[in-house]
Amino acid sequence: MLSDIWTVFWRDWVVLKHRMTAFILSRMVAPLLYLVAFGWGLGRSIQTANAASYIDFLVPGILALNSMNISFNSVTPVHAERVYHKSIEEYIIAPIRPYAYVIGKVLAAVLRGLISSAIIIALSYAFGAHFTITPLFLLVLILNCAIFAEIGFAAAMFLSTYEQMGQVNTYILLPMSFLCGTFFSTKALPDALRIFIECLPLTHTSYLLRGIGSGADVSLWSVGILLIYLVVVFAIGGQAFIKLKN
């Protein structure tokens, strides 16, 4: 099982390694814009509830949404491999366990998400942000990357066209990027919308990263929500690939 996972992961790592410079440079653009526009620009006129600077509130949200987008989009090429290039058939006929393929792809996406997050952390410190990086902080970040990589894999297994994959970004990821506690507290939302938003994984990632980074108590409820998403979405994607393999 482990050798199967490593085989899938290593293939993606080799591709990333040869594109590492371009990957790092491209991952710096959006965080820089967020930090300049919201941290230096709008953030100077915003006061948070605990009197901390807005950039300290903002950075965990940027980490959450960025790791979501990078992890999801890192797995979406599986869709092209399945629908257009048919190269996924190499894995279908290979003696690789189905769940090993899913785990290998998810781990490769997690790696991309963590590299991108490391870039944001370095930039945020340069911009004067103050937050603490702990093992639990990193674990939550890994959980978020894994969940959205699994969502990307499940979407790649079920959707039939590029347009449909784009709609996932437009109708699911984009609203989550702005509403799930990334740029402002969900307490500002109407109750009905807030309840719905607080059922989504990105909201709990934002809460946890912000709380852990500031030294607040960890919400076991939020941790539990993320673990449920991790298990359920993994099962959905794995079953879809098993059905394809059979």
Protein backbone atom coordinates (compact mmCIF):
# COMPACT_ATOMS: atom_id res chain seq x y z
CA MET A 1 0.00 0.00 0.00
CA LEU A 2 2.71 2.50 1.00
CA SER A 3 4.76 1.74 -2.11
CA ASP A 4 1.68 2.33 -4.27
CA ILE A 5 1.04 5.67 -2.59
CA TRP A 6 4.70 6.65 -3.01
CA THR A 7 4.62 5.77 -6.71
CA VAL A 8 1.67 8.08 -7.38
CA PHE A 9 3.05 10.84 -5.17
CA TRP A 10 6.54 10.63 -6.67
CA ARG A 11 5.23 11.09 -10.21
CA ASP A 12 3.54 14.37 -9.19
CA TRP A 13 6.58 15.47 -7.19
CA VAL A 14 8.89 15.03 -10.21
CA VAL A 15 6.57 17.23 -12.28
CA LEU A 16 6.42 19.88 -9.55
CA LYS A 17 10.19 19.82 -8.97
CA HIS A 18 10.86 20.71 -12.61
CA ARG A 19 8.39 23.61 -12.37
CA MET A 20 9.22 24.76 -8.85
CA THR A 21 10.51 28.24 -9.71
CA ALA A 22 7.49 29.09 -11.84
CA PHE A 23 5.19 27.60 -9.20
CA ILE A 24 6.68 29.70 -6.38
CA LEU A 25 6.64 32.94 -8.38
CA SER A 26 3.03 32.43 -9.48
CA ARG A 27 1.95 31.64 -5.91
CA MET A 28 3.34 34.99 -4.68
CA VAL A 29 1.09 37.19 -6.81
CA ALA A 30 -2.32 36.76 -5.15
CA PRO A 31 -1.03 36.88 -1.53
CA LEU A 32 0.91 40.06 -2.28
CA LEU A 33 -2.21 41.68 -3.70
CA TYR A 34 -4.28 40.65 -0.68
CA LEU A 35 -1.67 41.89 1.78
CA VAL A 36 -1.19 45.22 0.00
CA ALA A 37 -4.87 45.90 -0.70
CA PHE A 38 -6.37 44.63 2.55
CA GLY A 39 -3.42 44.75 4.93
CA TRP A 40 -1.83 48.08 4.03
CA GLY A 41 -4.75 49.70 2.25
CA LEU A 42 -8.16 48.90 3.67
CA GLY A 43 -6.76 47.33 6.82
CA ARG A 44 -5.43 50.60 8.22
CA SER A 45 -8.97 51.88 8.68
CA ILE A 46 -10.36 48.69 10.26
CA GLN A 47 -10.34 47.83 13.95
CA THR A 48 -10.90 44.23 15.04
CA ALA A 49 -12.81 43.19 18.15
CA ASN A 50 -9.72 42.32 20.21
CA ALA A 51 -7.87 45.50 19.16
CA ALA A 52 -5.30 43.53 17.16
CA SER A 53 -4.31 44.82 13.75
CA TYR A 54 -6.45 43.78 10.82
CA ILE A 55 -3.49 42.14 9.09
CA ASP A 56 -3.22 39.71 12.04
CA PHE A 57 -6.89 38.85 11.49
CA LEU A 58 -6.43 38.69 7.72
CA VAL A 59 -3.43 36.38 7.32
CA PRO A 60 -5.05 33.18 8.71
CA GLY A 61 -7.98 33.77 6.36
CA ILE A 62 -5.64 34.17 3.40
CA LEU A 63 -3.85 30.97 4.40
CA ALA A 64 -7.17 29.13 4.56
CA LEU A 65 -8.51 30.30 1.20
CA ASN A 66 -5.17 30.00 -0.59
CA SER A 67 -4.58 26.44 0.62
CA MET A 68 -8.14 25.63 -0.45
CA ASN A 69 -7.65 26.95 -4.00
CA ILE A 70 -4.18 25.49 -4.53
CA SER A 71 -5.10 22.04 -3.23
CA PHE A 72 -8.33 21.86 -5.22
CA ASN A 73 -6.75 23.04 -8.47
CA SER A 74 -3.74 20.74 -8.02
CA VAL A 75 -6.02 17.70 -8.38
CA THR A 76 -8.27 18.95 -11.16
CA PRO A 77 -5.85 17.75 -13.91
CA VAL A 78 -7.17 14.28 -13.00
CA HIS A 79 -10.37 15.38 -14.72
CA ALA A 80 -8.54 16.00 -18.00
CA GLU A 81 -6.69 12.71 -17.59
CA ARG A 82 -10.02 10.91 -17.20
CA VAL A 83 -12.19 12.71 -19.76
CA TYR A 84 -9.87 14.03 -22.49
CA HIS A 85 -6.38 12.52 -22.42
CA LYS A 86 -7.47 9.09 -21.14
CA SER A 87 -4.08 8.82 -19.41
CA ILE A 88 -5.77 7.83 -16.16
CA GLU A 89 -6.20 4.42 -17.78
CA GLU A 90 -2.50 3.83 -17.03
CA TYR A 91 -3.40 3.80 -13.34
CA ILE A 92 -6.60 1.86 -13.90
CA ILE A 93 -4.77 -1.08 -15.45
CA ALA A 94 -1.71 -0.76 -13.20
CA PRO A 95 -1.45 -3.05 -10.14
CA ILE A 96 -2.05 -0.10 -7.80
CA ARG A 97 -4.68 -0.16 -5.10
CA PRO A 98 -7.47 2.36 -5.84
CA TYR A 99 -7.27 4.12 -2.50
CA ALA A 100 -3.48 4.35 -2.84
CA TYR A 101 -3.98 6.33 -6.03
CA VAL A 102 -6.39 8.71 -4.29
CA ILE A 103 -4.08 9.17 -1.30
CA GLY A 104 -1.05 9.74 -3.53
CA LYS A 105 -2.85 12.43 -5.52
CA VAL A 106 -4.17 14.08 -2.36
CA LEU A 107 -0.73 14.10 -0.71
CA ALA A 108 0.81 15.69 -3.80
CA ALA A 109 -1.85 18.41 -3.66
CA VAL A 110 -1.24 18.87 0.07
CA LEU A 111 2.45 19.41 -0.66
CA ARG A 112 1.62 22.12 -3.18
CA GLY A 113 -0.75 23.73 -0.70
CA LEU A 114 1.88 23.73 2.04
CA ILE A 115 4.56 25.21 -0.21
CA SER A 116 2.17 27.97 -1.19
CA SER A 117 1.24 28.51 2.47
CA ALA A 118 4.91 28.79 3.43
CA ILE A 119 5.27 31.58 0.87
CA ILE A 120 2.30 33.42 2.40
CA ILE A 121 3.67 33.01 5.93
CA ALA A 122 7.03 34.47 4.88
CA LEU A 123 5.35 37.39 3.10
CA SER A 124 3.00 38.08 6.00
CA TYR A 125 5.87 38.32 8.47
CA ALA A 126 7.56 40.74 6.08
CA PHE A 127 4.36 42.82 6.15
CA GLY A 128 4.44 42.93 9.95
CA ALA A 129 1.87 40.28 10.85
CA HIS A 130 2.05 38.63 14.26
CA PHE A 131 0.86 35.07 14.79
CA THR A 132 2.31 31.86 16.20
CA ILE A 133 3.06 28.77 14.12
CA THR A 134 2.56 25.60 16.16
CA PRO A 135 2.33 21.90 15.19
CA LEU A 136 -1.46 22.14 15.63
CA PHE A 137 -1.55 25.17 13.33
CA LEU A 138 0.26 23.15 10.66
CA LEU A 139 -2.01 20.15 11.23
CA VAL A 140 -5.11 22.27 10.60
CA LEU A 141 -3.50 23.64 7.44
CA ILE A 142 -2.75 20.09 6.26
CA LEU A 143 -6.34 19.05 7.02
CA ASN A 144 -7.68 21.93 4.94
CA CYS A 145 -5.39 21.07 2.03
CA ALA A 146 -6.41 17.41 2.19
CA ILE A 147 -10.15 18.15 2.34
CA PHE A 148 -10.15 20.39 -0.72
CA ALA A 149 -7.80 18.09 -2.61
CA GLU A 150 -10.34 15.33 -1.97
CA ILE A 151 -13.16 17.60 -3.13
CA GLY A 152 -11.19 18.32 -6.29
CA PHE A 153 -10.62 14.61 -6.85
CA ALA A 154 -14.30 13.78 -6.31
CA ALA A 155 -15.31 16.53 -8.75
CA ALA A 156 -12.81 15.18 -11.29
CA MET A 157 -14.41 11.74 -10.99
CA PHE A 158 -18.02 12.88 -11.41
CA LEU A 159 -18.00 15.89 -13.75
CA SER A 160 -17.85 15.51 -17.52
CA THR A 161 -16.60 18.82 -18.97
CA TYR A 162 -14.14 21.64 -18.32
CA GLU A 163 -17.11 23.99 -18.00
CA GLN A 164 -18.51 21.98 -15.11
CA MET A 165 -15.15 22.01 -13.33
CA GLY A 166 -15.06 25.76 -13.79
CA GLN A 167 -18.51 26.03 -12.27
CA VAL A 168 -17.23 24.40 -9.09
CA ASN A 169 -14.77 27.28 -8.75
CA THR A 170 -17.40 29.87 -9.61
CA TYR A 171 -20.31 28.65 -7.53
CA ILE A 172 -18.57 26.93 -4.61
CA LEU A 173 -14.95 27.98 -4.07
CA LEU A 174 -15.32 31.67 -4.94
CA PRO A 175 -18.21 32.36 -2.52
CA MET A 176 -16.43 30.38 0.19
CA SER A 177 -13.28 32.46 -0.37
CA PHE A 178 -15.07 35.64 0.68
CA LEU A 179 -17.77 34.47 3.10
CA CYS A 180 -16.13 31.79 5.27
CA GLY A 181 -14.54 34.04 7.86
CA THR A 182 -11.58 34.91 5.68
CA PHE A 183 -11.89 38.70 5.41
CA PHE A 184 -14.49 39.39 8.10
CA SER A 185 -16.21 37.57 10.94
CA THR A 186 -19.22 35.44 10.04
CA LYS A 187 -21.05 37.16 12.93
CA ALA A 188 -21.66 40.04 10.53
CA LEU A 189 -23.83 37.82 8.29
CA PRO A 190 -27.62 37.35 8.61
CA ASP A 191 -28.46 34.40 10.84
CA ALA A 192 -29.79 32.09 8.12
CA LEU A 193 -26.74 32.64 5.92
CA ARG A 194 -24.37 32.44 8.88
CA ILE A 195 -25.69 29.03 9.94
CA PHE A 196 -25.15 27.71 6.43
CA ILE A 197 -21.66 29.24 6.15
CA GLU A 198 -20.66 27.73 9.48
CA CYS A 199 -21.39 24.26 8.10
CA LEU A 200 -18.61 24.67 5.51
CA PRO A 201 -15.05 23.46 6.11
CA LEU A 202 -13.26 26.67 5.15
CA THR A 203 -15.08 28.55 7.92
CA HIS A 204 -13.72 26.19 10.56
CA THR A 205 -10.24 26.30 9.08
CA SER A 206 -10.30 30.10 9.29
CA TYR A 207 -11.54 29.95 12.89
CA LEU A 208 -8.91 27.41 13.93
CA LEU A 209 -5.95 29.06 12.23
CA ARG A 210 -6.92 32.44 13.64
CA GLY A 211 -7.47 31.05 17.14
CA ILE A 212 -4.33 28.91 17.26
CA GLY A 213 -2.22 31.70 15.75
CA SER A 214 -3.35 34.12 18.47
CA GLY A 215 -3.04 31.63 21.33
CA ALA A 216 -6.78 31.16 21.90
CA ASP A 217 -8.43 27.90 22.92
CA VAL A 218 -8.88 25.30 20.20
CA SER A 219 -12.47 24.56 19.16
CA LEU A 220 -12.93 20.78 19.22
CA TRP A 221 -16.20 21.31 17.34
CA SER A 222 -14.33 22.86 14.42
CA VAL A 223 -11.72 20.08 14.48
CA GLY A 224 -14.51 17.50 14.44
CA ILE A 225 -16.21 19.17 11.45
CA LEU A 226 -12.96 19.08 9.47
CA LEU A 227 -12.35 15.42 10.30
CA ILE A 228 -15.88 14.51 9.17
CA TYR A 229 -15.31 16.26 5.84
CA LEU A 230 -11.93 14.54 5.49
CA VAL A 231 -13.39 11.05 5.92
CA VAL A 232 -16.66 11.52 3.99
CA VAL A 233 -15.19 13.22 0.91
CA PHE A 234 -12.31 10.72 0.78
CA ALA A 235 -14.81 7.86 0.77
CA ILE A 236 -16.84 9.49 -2.02
CA GLY A 237 -13.80 10.06 -4.24
CA GLY A 238 -12.35 6.65 -3.50
CA GLN A 239 -15.57 4.83 -4.32
CA ALA A 240 -15.88 6.77 -7.58
CA PHE A 241 -12.37 5.73 -8.63
CA ILE A 242 -13.02 2.10 -7.65
CA LYS A 243 -16.13 2.12 -9.83
CA LEU A 244 -14.06 3.55 -12.71
CA LYS A 245 -11.33 0.95 -12.19
CA ASN A 246 -13.84 -1.89 -12.18
